[in-house]
Every structure is written in C-alpha cells, then in structure tokens.
Amino acid sequence: MDLKNFYQKVGGSYEEIRSRLPTDKLVEKFILMFPKEPCFENLKVGMENQDWKAAFAACHTLKGVAANLALTKLHNSTEVLTEDLRSGTPAPNAQQDFEQVKKDFENVIAAINEGVAQ
C-alpha cells in the first residue's frame, strides 16, 4: 500500500501519522484494521433509528479513531456531526452532515480496498 498516496486520496496527513507511528508497516497495520471498527455501522443504525444518544456515542468514537489515524477529512466531518448530536436532539442539518461523514468514510474504505488490491 502506498501510504502517501492513500493519505492524499482520503484527505489525511501522512506526516501526522508518521509523527505518531515510527514505521509505514505499523501505519499500514492500523489502517487495515480500520474497516473492522464498528463505530460507523453503529452511527448509521443510530441515525436510522433516531437513537441520538447511540448515534452521538458512535460518531464521537469514529471522530477519535479518525483523529488518531490522521484521517483529517473524516475527522473534520465527524466533528461537525458530533456537535450536531451532542445535545441529544439533532441539529436541523444533522442528516446532511451524516451524509458527508458517510461519503468521507466510504472514501477511506474504498482507498483501503484499492491499496490492498494493488
């Protein structure tokens, strides 16, 4: 997997992740674990069921994972949605912001799958 290309493609920061993890092999290990993280699916279910507490918790977790992996674009969109859901009643634009999170998440998964297939 070409990590520099991957991070560029997903709007992340290769330099930031390398400041946290000393080798590309370690970065790749954690990136390849990302699709198994259940927080996006939990967020999706929470949004569908209008379970705002569960959606908030899942989004907050996804935000942290994205930040730790230097997936900047995904982190930024989850940060917006987290604030939309924080009060327990969704902000009027929460669904629209969820669609952005979904798009950013799917972009990361697609880039991971492309890197694995190469």
N, C-alpha and C. Protein backbone atom coordinates (compact mmCIF):
# COMPACT_ATOMS: atom_id res chain seq x y z
N MET A 1 0.85 -1.18 0.00
CA MET A 1 0.00 0.00 0.00
C MET A 1 0.89 1.24 0.00
N ASP A 2 0.64 2.14 -0.91
CA ASP A 2 1.37 3.40 -0.98
C ASP A 2 0.69 4.38 -0.01
N LEU A 3 1.24 4.49 1.18
CA LEU A 3 0.59 5.27 2.24
C LEU A 3 0.52 6.76 1.94
N LYS A 4 1.54 7.29 1.32
CA LYS A 4 1.50 8.72 0.99
C LYS A 4 0.34 9.00 0.03
N ASN A 5 0.20 8.15 -0.97
CA ASN A 5 -0.89 8.29 -1.92
C ASN A 5 -2.25 8.08 -1.23
N PHE A 6 -2.32 7.08 -0.37
CA PHE A 6 -3.55 6.81 0.38
C PHE A 6 -3.97 8.05 1.18
N TYR A 7 -3.05 8.62 1.94
CA TYR A 7 -3.39 9.78 2.77
C TYR A 7 -3.79 10.99 1.92
N GLN A 8 -3.14 11.16 0.80
CA GLN A 8 -3.50 12.26 -0.10
C GLN A 8 -4.92 12.03 -0.64
N LYS A 9 -5.21 10.81 -1.01
CA LYS A 9 -6.51 10.47 -1.61
C LYS A 9 -7.68 10.68 -0.63
N VAL A 10 -7.45 10.41 0.64
CA VAL A 10 -8.54 10.50 1.63
C VAL A 10 -8.55 11.82 2.40
N GLY A 11 -7.65 12.72 2.05
CA GLY A 11 -7.61 14.00 2.75
C GLY A 11 -7.06 13.86 4.15
N GLY A 12 -6.05 13.02 4.29
CA GLY A 12 -5.41 12.80 5.58
C GLY A 12 -4.02 13.39 5.61
N SER A 13 -3.30 13.11 6.68
CA SER A 13 -1.96 13.65 6.83
C SER A 13 -0.97 12.52 7.12
N TYR A 14 -0.23 12.15 6.08
CA TYR A 14 0.82 11.14 6.23
C TYR A 14 1.87 11.60 7.24
N GLU A 15 2.23 12.86 7.18
CA GLU A 15 3.25 13.39 8.09
C GLU A 15 2.79 13.28 9.54
N GLU A 16 1.52 13.56 9.77
CA GLU A 16 0.99 13.49 11.15
C GLU A 16 1.01 12.06 11.67
N ILE A 17 0.55 11.11 10.85
CA ILE A 17 0.52 9.72 11.32
C ILE A 17 1.93 9.20 11.54
N ARG A 18 2.87 9.61 10.70
CA ARG A 18 4.25 9.17 10.89
C ARG A 18 4.90 9.81 12.11
N SER A 19 4.37 10.94 12.56
CA SER A 19 4.89 11.52 13.80
C SER A 19 4.41 10.70 15.01
N ARG A 20 3.35 9.92 14.83
CA ARG A 20 2.82 9.08 15.91
C ARG A 20 3.34 7.65 15.84
N LEU A 21 3.46 7.13 14.63
CA LEU A 21 3.87 5.74 14.43
C LEU A 21 5.17 5.71 13.66
N PRO A 22 6.15 4.95 14.15
CA PRO A 22 7.52 5.06 13.61
C PRO A 22 7.78 4.41 12.25
N THR A 23 6.89 3.50 11.80
CA THR A 23 7.17 2.82 10.53
C THR A 23 5.91 2.77 9.67
N ASP A 24 6.12 2.70 8.36
CA ASP A 24 4.99 2.53 7.44
C ASP A 24 4.26 1.21 7.71
N LYS A 25 5.01 0.20 8.09
CA LYS A 25 4.40 -1.11 8.36
C LYS A 25 3.39 -1.00 9.50
N LEU A 26 3.71 -0.26 10.52
CA LEU A 26 2.80 -0.07 11.64
C LEU A 26 1.59 0.77 11.24
N VAL A 27 1.81 1.81 10.45
CA VAL A 27 0.71 2.63 9.96
C VAL A 27 -0.24 1.74 9.15
N GLU A 28 0.32 0.97 8.23
CA GLU A 28 -0.49 0.10 7.38
C GLU A 28 -1.29 -0.89 8.23
N LYS A 29 -0.68 -1.43 9.26
CA LYS A 29 -1.37 -2.38 10.14
C LYS A 29 -2.64 -1.75 10.70
N PHE A 30 -2.53 -0.53 11.21
CA PHE A 30 -3.69 0.13 11.81
C PHE A 30 -4.71 0.57 10.77
N ILE A 31 -4.24 1.01 9.62
CA ILE A 31 -5.17 1.39 8.54
C ILE A 31 -5.97 0.17 8.09
N LEU A 32 -5.32 -0.97 7.99
CA LEU A 32 -6.02 -2.18 7.54
C LEU A 32 -7.00 -2.71 8.59
N MET A 33 -6.84 -2.30 9.84
CA MET A 33 -7.80 -2.66 10.89
C MET A 33 -9.03 -1.75 10.88
N PHE A 34 -8.90 -0.58 10.29
CA PHE A 34 -9.97 0.42 10.32
C PHE A 34 -11.32 -0.10 9.81
N PRO A 35 -11.40 -0.84 8.70
CA PRO A 35 -12.72 -1.30 8.22
C PRO A 35 -13.46 -2.20 9.21
N LYS A 36 -12.73 -2.82 10.13
CA LYS A 36 -13.35 -3.71 11.12
C LYS A 36 -13.93 -2.95 12.31
N GLU A 37 -13.60 -1.67 12.41
CA GLU A 37 -14.09 -0.84 13.51
C GLU A 37 -15.60 -0.65 13.35
N PRO A 38 -16.41 -1.02 14.35
CA PRO A 38 -17.88 -0.99 14.20
C PRO A 38 -18.53 0.39 14.38
N CYS A 39 -17.77 1.42 14.67
CA CYS A 39 -18.40 2.70 15.03
C CYS A 39 -19.21 3.31 13.88
N PHE A 40 -18.78 3.16 12.63
CA PHE A 40 -19.59 3.74 11.55
C PHE A 40 -20.92 3.01 11.44
N GLU A 41 -20.90 1.70 11.50
CA GLU A 41 -22.16 0.93 11.42
C GLU A 41 -23.07 1.30 12.59
N ASN A 42 -22.50 1.47 13.77
CA ASN A 42 -23.30 1.88 14.94
C ASN A 42 -23.88 3.28 14.73
N LEU A 43 -23.12 4.17 14.13
CA LEU A 43 -23.60 5.51 13.83
C LEU A 43 -24.76 5.44 12.85
N LYS A 44 -24.60 4.66 11.81
CA LYS A 44 -25.63 4.51 10.79
C LYS A 44 -26.94 3.98 11.40
N VAL A 45 -26.83 2.96 12.23
CA VAL A 45 -28.01 2.38 12.88
C VAL A 45 -28.64 3.41 13.82
N GLY A 46 -27.82 4.12 14.57
CA GLY A 46 -28.35 5.14 15.47
C GLY A 46 -29.10 6.23 14.73
N MET A 47 -28.55 6.66 13.59
CA MET A 47 -29.23 7.68 12.78
C MET A 47 -30.54 7.14 12.22
N GLU A 48 -30.51 5.92 11.70
CA GLU A 48 -31.72 5.32 11.12
C GLU A 48 -32.82 5.16 12.16
N ASN A 49 -32.44 4.76 13.38
CA ASN A 49 -33.41 4.52 14.44
C ASN A 49 -33.72 5.76 15.26
N GLN A 50 -33.14 6.87 14.89
CA GLN A 50 -33.29 8.12 15.63
C GLN A 50 -32.93 7.94 17.11
N ASP A 51 -31.92 7.10 17.34
CA ASP A 51 -31.37 6.90 18.68
C ASP A 51 -30.18 7.85 18.79
N TRP A 52 -30.48 9.07 19.16
CA TRP A 52 -29.48 10.14 19.11
C TRP A 52 -28.34 9.92 20.08
N LYS A 53 -28.63 9.31 21.22
CA LYS A 53 -27.57 9.02 22.19
C LYS A 53 -26.57 8.02 21.61
N ALA A 54 -27.09 6.95 21.00
CA ALA A 54 -26.22 5.95 20.38
C ALA A 54 -25.48 6.54 19.19
N ALA A 55 -26.17 7.34 18.39
CA ALA A 55 -25.53 7.97 17.22
C ALA A 55 -24.40 8.90 17.68
N PHE A 56 -24.66 9.67 18.73
CA PHE A 56 -23.62 10.57 19.26
C PHE A 56 -22.40 9.77 19.73
N ALA A 57 -22.64 8.72 20.51
CA ALA A 57 -21.53 7.92 21.04
C ALA A 57 -20.71 7.31 19.90
N ALA A 58 -21.38 6.77 18.90
CA ALA A 58 -20.68 6.15 17.77
C ALA A 58 -19.91 7.19 16.97
N CYS A 59 -20.53 8.35 16.75
CA CYS A 59 -19.86 9.40 15.99
C CYS A 59 -18.64 9.93 16.75
N HIS A 60 -18.78 10.07 18.05
CA HIS A 60 -17.67 10.55 18.88
C HIS A 60 -16.51 9.56 18.82
N THR A 61 -16.82 8.28 18.85
CA THR A 61 -15.78 7.25 18.74
C THR A 61 -15.11 7.30 17.38
N LEU A 62 -15.91 7.40 16.33
CA LEU A 62 -15.36 7.48 14.98
C LEU A 62 -14.47 8.71 14.82
N LYS A 63 -14.88 9.80 15.41
CA LYS A 63 -14.07 11.03 15.37
C LYS A 63 -12.70 10.78 16.00
N GLY A 64 -12.68 10.10 17.12
CA GLY A 64 -11.41 9.80 17.79
C GLY A 64 -10.53 8.87 16.99
N VAL A 65 -11.12 7.85 16.42
CA VAL A 65 -10.35 6.91 15.59
C VAL A 65 -9.77 7.65 14.38
N ALA A 66 -10.60 8.47 13.73
CA ALA A 66 -10.13 9.23 12.57
C ALA A 66 -8.99 10.17 12.96
N ALA A 67 -9.12 10.81 14.10
CA ALA A 67 -8.05 11.72 14.57
C ALA A 67 -6.77 10.95 14.83
N ASN A 68 -6.88 9.82 15.51
CA ASN A 68 -5.69 9.02 15.83
C ASN A 68 -4.98 8.50 14.59
N LEU A 69 -5.74 8.22 13.53
CA LEU A 69 -5.16 7.72 12.29
C LEU A 69 -4.82 8.84 11.31
N ALA A 70 -5.00 10.09 11.73
CA ALA A 70 -4.71 11.27 10.90
C ALA A 70 -5.54 11.27 9.62
N LEU A 71 -6.77 10.80 9.72
CA LEU A 71 -7.72 10.84 8.61
C LEU A 71 -8.48 12.16 8.74
N THR A 72 -7.82 13.22 8.38
CA THR A 72 -8.25 14.59 8.68
C THR A 72 -9.64 14.92 8.14
N LYS A 73 -9.90 14.60 6.89
CA LYS A 73 -11.19 14.94 6.30
C LYS A 73 -12.32 14.23 7.03
N LEU A 74 -12.15 12.94 7.31
CA LEU A 74 -13.15 12.19 8.06
C LEU A 74 -13.28 12.73 9.48
N HIS A 75 -12.17 13.05 10.09
CA HIS A 75 -12.21 13.63 11.44
C HIS A 75 -13.02 14.93 11.44
N ASN A 76 -12.79 15.78 10.47
CA ASN A 76 -13.49 17.06 10.42
C ASN A 76 -14.99 16.88 10.25
N SER A 77 -15.40 15.97 9.38
CA SER A 77 -16.84 15.78 9.17
C SER A 77 -17.49 15.12 10.40
N THR A 78 -16.79 14.21 11.05
CA THR A 78 -17.36 13.61 12.26
C THR A 78 -17.42 14.63 13.40
N GLU A 79 -16.49 15.55 13.42
CA GLU A 79 -16.51 16.59 14.45
C GLU A 79 -17.78 17.45 14.31
N VAL A 80 -18.13 17.79 13.09
CA VAL A 80 -19.35 18.58 12.84
C VAL A 80 -20.58 17.80 13.28
N LEU A 81 -20.67 16.53 12.87
CA LEU A 81 -21.84 15.73 13.22
C LEU A 81 -21.90 15.48 14.72
N THR A 82 -20.77 15.27 15.36
CA THR A 82 -20.76 15.10 16.81
C THR A 82 -21.43 16.29 17.50
N GLU A 83 -21.08 17.47 17.06
CA GLU A 83 -21.69 18.66 17.65
C GLU A 83 -23.18 18.76 17.32
N ASP A 84 -23.57 18.31 16.12
CA ASP A 84 -24.99 18.28 15.75
C ASP A 84 -25.80 17.40 16.70
N LEU A 85 -25.17 16.35 17.22
CA LEU A 85 -25.87 15.36 18.03
C LEU A 85 -25.65 15.52 19.53
N ARG A 86 -24.75 16.39 19.91
CA ARG A 86 -24.32 16.48 21.31
C ARG A 86 -25.46 16.73 22.29
N SER A 87 -26.42 17.55 21.93
CA SER A 87 -27.48 17.94 22.88
C SER A 87 -28.51 16.84 23.12
N GLY A 88 -28.48 15.78 22.34
CA GLY A 88 -29.48 14.73 22.47
C GLY A 88 -30.65 14.91 21.51
N THR A 89 -30.74 16.08 20.93
CA THR A 89 -31.72 16.38 19.88
C THR A 89 -30.92 16.83 18.68
N PRO A 90 -31.09 16.19 17.53
CA PRO A 90 -30.22 16.53 16.40
C PRO A 90 -30.46 17.94 15.87
N ALA A 91 -29.39 18.56 15.46
CA ALA A 91 -29.48 19.85 14.78
C ALA A 91 -30.20 19.65 13.45
N PRO A 92 -30.82 20.70 12.92
CA PRO A 92 -31.57 20.57 11.66
C PRO A 92 -30.74 20.01 10.50
N ASN A 93 -29.46 20.25 10.49
CA ASN A 93 -28.61 19.79 9.39
C ASN A 93 -27.90 18.47 9.70
N ALA A 94 -28.31 17.76 10.74
CA ALA A 94 -27.63 16.53 11.15
C ALA A 94 -27.65 15.47 10.05
N GLN A 95 -28.77 15.30 9.37
CA GLN A 95 -28.83 14.28 8.32
C GLN A 95 -27.89 14.62 7.17
N GLN A 96 -27.85 15.87 6.80
CA GLN A 96 -26.94 16.32 5.74
C GLN A 96 -25.49 16.10 6.17
N ASP A 97 -25.20 16.42 7.42
CA ASP A 97 -23.83 16.23 7.92
C ASP A 97 -23.49 14.74 8.02
N PHE A 98 -24.47 13.90 8.34
CA PHE A 98 -24.24 12.46 8.34
C PHE A 98 -23.88 11.98 6.94
N GLU A 99 -24.54 12.51 5.93
CA GLU A 99 -24.23 12.12 4.55
C GLU A 99 -22.79 12.45 4.20
N GLN A 100 -22.27 13.55 4.72
CA GLN A 100 -20.87 13.90 4.48
C GLN A 100 -19.95 12.91 5.18
N VAL A 101 -20.28 12.56 6.42
CA VAL A 101 -19.49 11.56 7.15
C VAL A 101 -19.49 10.24 6.37
N LYS A 102 -20.65 9.84 5.91
CA LYS A 102 -20.78 8.59 5.14
C LYS A 102 -19.89 8.64 3.89
N LYS A 103 -19.94 9.75 3.18
CA LYS A 103 -19.12 9.91 1.97
C LYS A 103 -17.63 9.82 2.32
N ASP A 104 -17.21 10.51 3.37
CA ASP A 104 -15.79 10.50 3.76
C ASP A 104 -15.37 9.11 4.23
N PHE A 105 -16.23 8.44 4.99
CA PHE A 105 -15.94 7.09 5.47
C PHE A 105 -15.80 6.13 4.29
N GLU A 106 -16.76 6.19 3.37
CA GLU A 106 -16.72 5.30 2.21
C GLU A 106 -15.50 5.57 1.34
N ASN A 107 -15.06 6.81 1.26
CA ASN A 107 -13.84 7.16 0.52
C ASN A 107 -12.62 6.48 1.15
N VAL A 108 -12.56 6.49 2.48
CA VAL A 108 -11.44 5.85 3.18
C VAL A 108 -11.47 4.34 2.92
N ILE A 109 -12.64 3.74 3.04
CA ILE A 109 -12.75 2.29 2.82
C ILE A 109 -12.37 1.93 1.38
N ALA A 110 -12.84 2.70 0.41
CA ALA A 110 -12.50 2.45 -0.99
C ALA A 110 -11.00 2.55 -1.21
N ALA A 111 -10.37 3.56 -0.62
CA ALA A 111 -8.92 3.73 -0.78
C ALA A 111 -8.16 2.57 -0.13
N ILE A 112 -8.64 2.12 1.00
CA ILE A 112 -8.02 0.95 1.65
C ILE A 112 -8.15 -0.26 0.74
N ASN A 113 -9.34 -0.49 0.23
CA ASN A 113 -9.56 -1.64 -0.65
C ASN A 113 -8.71 -1.57 -1.91
N GLU A 114 -8.57 -0.37 -2.47
CA GLU A 114 -7.72 -0.20 -3.66
C GLU A 114 -6.27 -0.52 -3.32
N GLY A 115 -5.81 -0.07 -2.17
CA GLY A 115 -4.43 -0.31 -1.75
C GLY A 115 -4.15 -1.77 -1.48
N VAL A 116 -5.13 -2.45 -0.94
CA VAL A 116 -4.98 -3.88 -0.65
C VAL A 116 -4.96 -4.67 -1.95
N ALA A 117 -5.75 -4.25 -2.93
CA ALA A 117 -5.83 -4.97 -4.20
C ALA A 117 -4.58 -4.78 -5.04
N GLN A 118 -3.83 -3.74 -4.80
CA GLN A 118 -2.65 -3.47 -5.64
C GLN A 118 -1.51 -4.39 -5.29
